[in-house]
C-alpha atoms as a PDB file:
ATOM      1  CA  UNK A   1      86.068-139.573 248.197  1.00  0.00           C
ATOM      2  CA  UNK A   2      86.764-136.141 246.853  1.00  0.00           C
ATOM      3  CA  UNK A   3      84.628-134.545 243.464  1.00  0.00           C
ATOM      4  CA  UNK A   4      86.724-132.749 241.275  1.00  0.00           C
ATOM      5  CA  UNK A   5      84.399-130.903 238.668  1.00  0.00           C
ATOM      6  CA  UNK A   6      85.818-129.017 235.857  1.00  0.00           C
ATOM      7  CA  UNK A   7      84.264-125.513 235.570  1.00  0.00           C
ATOM      8  CA  UNK A   8      83.560-126.366 231.970  1.00  0.00           C
ATOM      9  CA  UNK A   9      81.285-128.778 233.328  1.00  0.00           C
ATOM     10  CA  UNK A  10      79.125-126.631 235.155  1.00  0.00           C
ATOM     11  CA  UNK A  11      79.059-124.002 232.429  1.00  0.00           C
ATOM     12  CA  UNK A  12      77.515-126.811 230.296  1.00  0.00           C
ATOM     13  CA  UNK A  13      74.862-127.511 232.843  1.00  0.00           C
ATOM     14  CA  UNK A  14      74.008-123.501 233.648  1.00  0.00           C
ATOM     15  CA  UNK A  15      73.270-123.066 230.009  1.00  0.00           C
ATOM     16  CA  UNK A  16      71.472-126.608 229.767  1.00  0.00           C
ATOM     17  CA  UNK A  17      69.302-124.786 232.427  1.00  0.00           C
ATOM     18  CA  UNK A  18      69.062-121.333 231.038  1.00  0.00           C
ATOM     19  CA  UNK A  19      68.049-122.831 227.379  1.00  0.00           C
ATOM     20  CA  UNK A  20      65.246-125.370 228.831  1.00  0.00           C
ATOM     21  CA  UNK A  21      63.476-122.151 231.182  1.00  0.00           C
ATOM     22  CA  UNK A  22      63.812-120.320 227.993  1.00  0.00           C
ATOM     23  CA  UNK A  23      62.157-122.747 225.965  1.00  0.00           C
ATOM     24  CA  UNK A  24      59.649-123.112 228.813  1.00  0.00           C
ATOM     25  CA  UNK A  25      58.930-119.792 228.763  1.00  0.00           C
ATOM     26  CA  UNK A  26      58.448-119.356 225.312  1.00  0.00           C
ATOM     27  CA  UNK A  27      56.413-122.639 224.601  1.00  0.00           C
ATOM     28  CA  UNK A  28      54.002-121.287 227.470  1.00  0.00           C
ATOM     29  CA  UNK A  29      53.561-117.809 225.535  1.00  0.00           C
ATOM     30  CA  UNK A  30      52.573-119.640 222.537  1.00  0.00           C
ATOM     31  CA  UNK A  31      50.049-121.663 224.148  1.00  0.00           C
ATOM     32  CA  UNK A  32      48.854-118.917 225.736  1.00  0.00           C
ATOM     33  CA  UNK A  33      48.190-116.781 222.698  1.00  0.00           C
ATOM     34  CA  UNK A  34      47.054-119.618 220.791  1.00  0.00           C
ATOM     35  CA  UNK A  35      44.245-120.442 223.301  1.00  0.00           C
ATOM     36  CA  UNK A  36      43.032-116.551 222.989  1.00  0.00           C
ATOM     37  CA  UNK A  37      42.745-116.807 219.470  1.00  0.00           C
ATOM     38  CA  UNK A  38      40.711-119.964 219.869  1.00  0.00           C
ATOM     39  CA  UNK A  39      38.660-118.616 222.652  1.00  0.00           C
ATOM     40  CA  UNK A  40      37.869-115.683 219.939  1.00  0.00           C
ATOM     41  CA  UNK A  41      37.142-117.648 217.784  1.00  0.00           C
ATOM     42  CA  UNK A  42      34.648-120.087 219.781  1.00  0.00           C
ATOM     43  CA  UNK A  43      32.636-116.852 221.014  1.00  0.00           C
ATOM     44  CA  UNK A  44      32.386-115.238 217.086  1.00  0.00           C
ATOM     45  CA  UNK A  45      31.128-118.867 216.554  1.00  0.00           C
ATOM     46  CA  UNK A  46      28.431-118.984 219.238  1.00  0.00           C
ATOM     47  CA  UNK A  47      27.670-115.421 217.894  1.00  0.00           C
ATOM     48  CA  UNK A  48      27.014-116.823 214.632  1.00  0.00           C
ATOM     49  CA  UNK A  49      25.103-119.671 215.916  1.00  0.00           C
ATOM     50  CA  UNK A  50      22.629-117.437 217.978  1.00  0.00           C
ATOM     51  CA  UNK A  51      22.160-115.043 214.905  1.00  0.00           C
ATOM     52  CA  UNK A  52      21.065-118.311 212.702  1.00  0.00           C
ATOM     53  CA  UNK A  53      18.901-119.495 215.172  1.00  0.00           C
ATOM     54  CA  UNK A  54      16.942-116.385 215.573  1.00  0.00           C
ATOM     55  CA  UNK A  55      16.753-115.996 211.379  1.00  0.00           C
ATOM     56  CA  UNK A  56      15.625-119.613 211.375  1.00  0.00           C
ATOM     57  CA  UNK A  57      12.719-118.873 214.050  1.00  0.00           C
ATOM     58  CA  UNK A  58      11.699-115.852 212.021  1.00  0.00           C
ATOM     59  CA  UNK A  59      11.682-118.490 208.623  1.00  0.00           C
ATOM     60  CA  UNK A  60       9.362-120.474 210.779  1.00  0.00           C
ATOM     61  CA  UNK A  61       6.802-117.787 211.327  1.00  0.00           C
ATOM     62  CA  UNK A  62       6.810-116.602 208.090  1.00  0.00           C
ATOM     63  CA  UNK A  63       6.469-119.801 206.687  1.00  0.00           C
ATOM     64  CA  UNK A  64       3.665-120.267 208.880  1.00  0.00           C
ATOM     65  CA  UNK A  65       2.177-116.860 207.730  1.00  0.00           C
ATOM     66  CA  UNK A  66       2.437-117.757 204.186  1.00  0.00           C
ATOM     67  CA  UNK A  67       0.797-120.858 204.814  1.00  0.00           C
ATOM     68  CA  UNK A  68      -1.943-119.298 206.184  1.00  0.00           C
ATOM     69  CA  UNK A  69      -2.502-116.712 203.317  1.00  0.00           C
ATOM     70  CA  UNK A  70      -2.190-118.922 200.892  1.00  0.00           C
ATOM     71  CA  UNK A  71      -4.908-121.572 202.499  1.00  0.00           C
ATOM     72  CA  UNK A  72      -7.275-118.590 202.794  1.00  0.00           C
ATOM     73  CA  UNK A  73      -6.867-117.572 199.094  1.00  0.00           C
ATOM     74  CA  UNK A  74      -9.575-117.909 196.510  1.00  0.00           C
ATOM     75  CA  UNK A  75      -7.558-120.594 194.465  1.00  0.00           C
ATOM     76  CA  UNK A  76      -7.018-123.189 197.657  1.00  0.00           C
ATOM     77  CA  UNK A  77     -10.440-122.428 198.677  1.00  0.00           C
ATOM     78  CA  UNK A  78     -11.405-123.777 194.710  1.00  0.00           C
ATOM     79  CA  UNK A  79      -9.042-126.733 194.640  1.00  0.00           C
ATOM     80  CA  UNK A  80      -9.970-127.989 197.835  1.00  0.00           C
ATOM     81  CA  UNK A  81     -13.353-127.113 198.985  1.00  0.00           C
ATOM     82  CA  UNK A  82     -13.694-127.012 202.565  1.00  0.00           C
ATOM     83  CA  UNK A  83     -15.840-130.054 203.714  1.00  0.00           C
ATOM     84  CA  UNK A  84     -18.981-129.130 205.345  1.00  0.00           C
ATOM     85  CA  UNK A  85     -19.947-130.964 208.742  1.00  0.00           C
ATOM     86  CA  UNK A  86     -23.001-133.362 208.681  1.00  0.00           C
ATOM     87  CA  UNK A  87     -25.374-132.841 211.202  1.00  0.00           C
ATOM     88  CA  UNK A  88     -26.465-136.317 212.384  1.00  0.00           C
ATOM     89  CA  UNK A  89     -30.430-136.617 213.739  1.00  0.00           C
ATOM     90  CA  UNK A  90     -29.452-139.288 216.456  1.00  0.00           C
ATOM     91  CA  UNK A  91     -32.215-139.544 218.774  1.00  0.00           C
END
C-alpha cells in the first residue's frame, strides 16, 4: 500500500498551517493590547475611587464641624434651650 500525495495537497496544508499560525499570533497580540488598556483603565478607576474616598472623609469632618458651630450658635440655643439637670436630694 503506497501513498501518493500530490504536491498540490502538501502546498494546501502548508498554507493552512501558515495562515492559522499567523491568525493565532495576531489574535494573541490583540488580546494583549486589550488587556493592557483594561489594566490601565482599572488603575485609573482605582485612583479615582481613592480620591473620592478621601474627599468623602473630608466632607464628613466638615459637616461635623458645621453642626458643632450651629449648636454653639445663639439661635440654636434660643430655640433649643439646654435642659438643666435636676439635683435630687434623696437620702
